């Protein structure tokens, strides 16, 4: 933090980029949850990985 600078010197562009990053993070988490819980997409278990995963 820059304690010597006031709040009015904070960059609006930095704040907007932080909001965009937060939105992307939330959307990716929502999509990941949807893939895992609704469609059952997951990492193959260890036995299937050893044998070579074939679909």
C-alpha atoms as a PDB file:
ATOM      1  CA  UNK A   1       0.000   0.000   0.000  1.00  0.00           C
ATOM      2  CA  UNK A   2       1.064   3.522  -0.599  1.00  0.00           C
ATOM      3  CA  UNK A   3       0.280   5.203   2.676  1.00  0.00           C
ATOM      4  CA  UNK A   4       1.717   8.523   1.525  1.00  0.00           C
ATOM      5  CA  UNK A   5      -0.781   8.805  -1.358  1.00  0.00           C
ATOM      6  CA  UNK A   6      -4.396   9.707  -0.862  1.00  0.00           C
ATOM      7  CA  UNK A   7      -7.419   7.795  -2.035  1.00  0.00           C
ATOM      8  CA  UNK A   8      -8.127  10.309  -4.778  1.00  0.00           C
ATOM      9  CA  UNK A   9      -4.895   9.245  -6.510  1.00  0.00           C
ATOM     10  CA  UNK A  10      -6.068   5.672  -7.040  1.00  0.00           C
ATOM     11  CA  UNK A  11      -6.331   4.607 -10.650  1.00  0.00           C
ATOM     12  CA  UNK A  12      -9.817   4.114 -12.060  1.00  0.00           C
ATOM     13  CA  UNK A  13      -8.382   1.817 -14.735  1.00  0.00           C
ATOM     14  CA  UNK A  14      -6.886  -0.437 -12.061  1.00  0.00           C
ATOM     15  CA  UNK A  15     -10.213  -0.649 -10.270  1.00  0.00           C
ATOM     16  CA  UNK A  16     -12.053  -1.482 -13.506  1.00  0.00           C
ATOM     17  CA  UNK A  17      -9.493  -4.177 -14.359  1.00  0.00           C
ATOM     18  CA  UNK A  18      -9.941  -5.657 -10.885  1.00  0.00           C
ATOM     19  CA  UNK A  19     -13.708  -5.797 -11.380  1.00  0.00           C
ATOM     20  CA  UNK A  20     -13.279  -7.463 -14.776  1.00  0.00           C
ATOM     21  CA  UNK A  21     -10.880 -10.028 -13.279  1.00  0.00           C
ATOM     22  CA  UNK A  22     -13.315 -10.719 -10.446  1.00  0.00           C
ATOM     23  CA  UNK A  23     -16.154 -11.228 -12.933  1.00  0.00           C
ATOM     24  CA  UNK A  24     -14.050 -13.635 -15.009  1.00  0.00           C
ATOM     25  CA  UNK A  25     -13.082 -15.552 -11.868  1.00  0.00           C
ATOM     26  CA  UNK A  26     -16.715 -15.832 -10.791  1.00  0.00           C
ATOM     27  CA  UNK A  27     -17.892 -16.958 -14.224  1.00  0.00           C
ATOM     28  CA  UNK A  28     -15.145 -19.580 -14.512  1.00  0.00           C
ATOM     29  CA  UNK A  29     -16.011 -20.917 -11.064  1.00  0.00           C
ATOM     30  CA  UNK A  30     -19.687 -21.105 -11.963  1.00  0.00           C
ATOM     31  CA  UNK A  31     -18.928 -22.910 -15.232  1.00  0.00           C
ATOM     32  CA  UNK A  32     -16.550 -25.308 -13.467  1.00  0.00           C
ATOM     33  CA  UNK A  33     -19.196 -26.142 -10.897  1.00  0.00           C
ATOM     34  CA  UNK A  34     -21.746 -26.678 -13.632  1.00  0.00           C
ATOM     35  CA  UNK A  35     -19.399 -29.056 -15.468  1.00  0.00           C
ATOM     36  CA  UNK A  36     -18.627 -31.011 -12.302  1.00  0.00           C
ATOM     37  CA  UNK A  37     -22.036 -31.261 -10.670  1.00  0.00           C
ATOM     38  CA  UNK A  38     -24.459 -31.115 -13.580  1.00  0.00           C
ATOM     39  CA  UNK A  39     -22.543 -32.979 -16.270  1.00  0.00           C
ATOM     40  CA  UNK A  40     -20.268 -35.128 -14.094  1.00  0.00           C
ATOM     41  CA  UNK A  41     -17.032 -33.985 -15.735  1.00  0.00           C
ATOM     42  CA  UNK A  42     -14.129 -34.905 -13.490  1.00  0.00           C
ATOM     43  CA  UNK A  43     -10.545 -36.116 -13.416  1.00  0.00           C
ATOM     44  CA  UNK A  44     -10.201 -39.826 -14.165  1.00  0.00           C
ATOM     45  CA  UNK A  45      -9.386 -42.010 -11.168  1.00  0.00           C
ATOM     46  CA  UNK A  46      -5.844 -43.307 -10.710  1.00  0.00           C
ATOM     47  CA  UNK A  47      -6.548 -46.758 -12.161  1.00  0.00           C
ATOM     48  CA  UNK A  48      -7.940 -45.304 -15.395  1.00  0.00           C
ATOM     49  CA  UNK A  49      -4.992 -42.917 -15.642  1.00  0.00           C
ATOM     50  CA  UNK A  50      -2.517 -45.787 -15.290  1.00  0.00           C
ATOM     51  CA  UNK A  51      -4.232 -47.789 -18.030  1.00  0.00           C
ATOM     52  CA  UNK A  52      -4.524 -44.792 -20.322  1.00  0.00           C
ATOM     53  CA  UNK A  53      -7.836 -42.991 -20.392  1.00  0.00           C
ATOM     54  CA  UNK A  54      -9.920 -43.959 -23.426  1.00  0.00           C
ATOM     55  CA  UNK A  55     -13.426 -42.751 -23.942  1.00  0.00           C
END
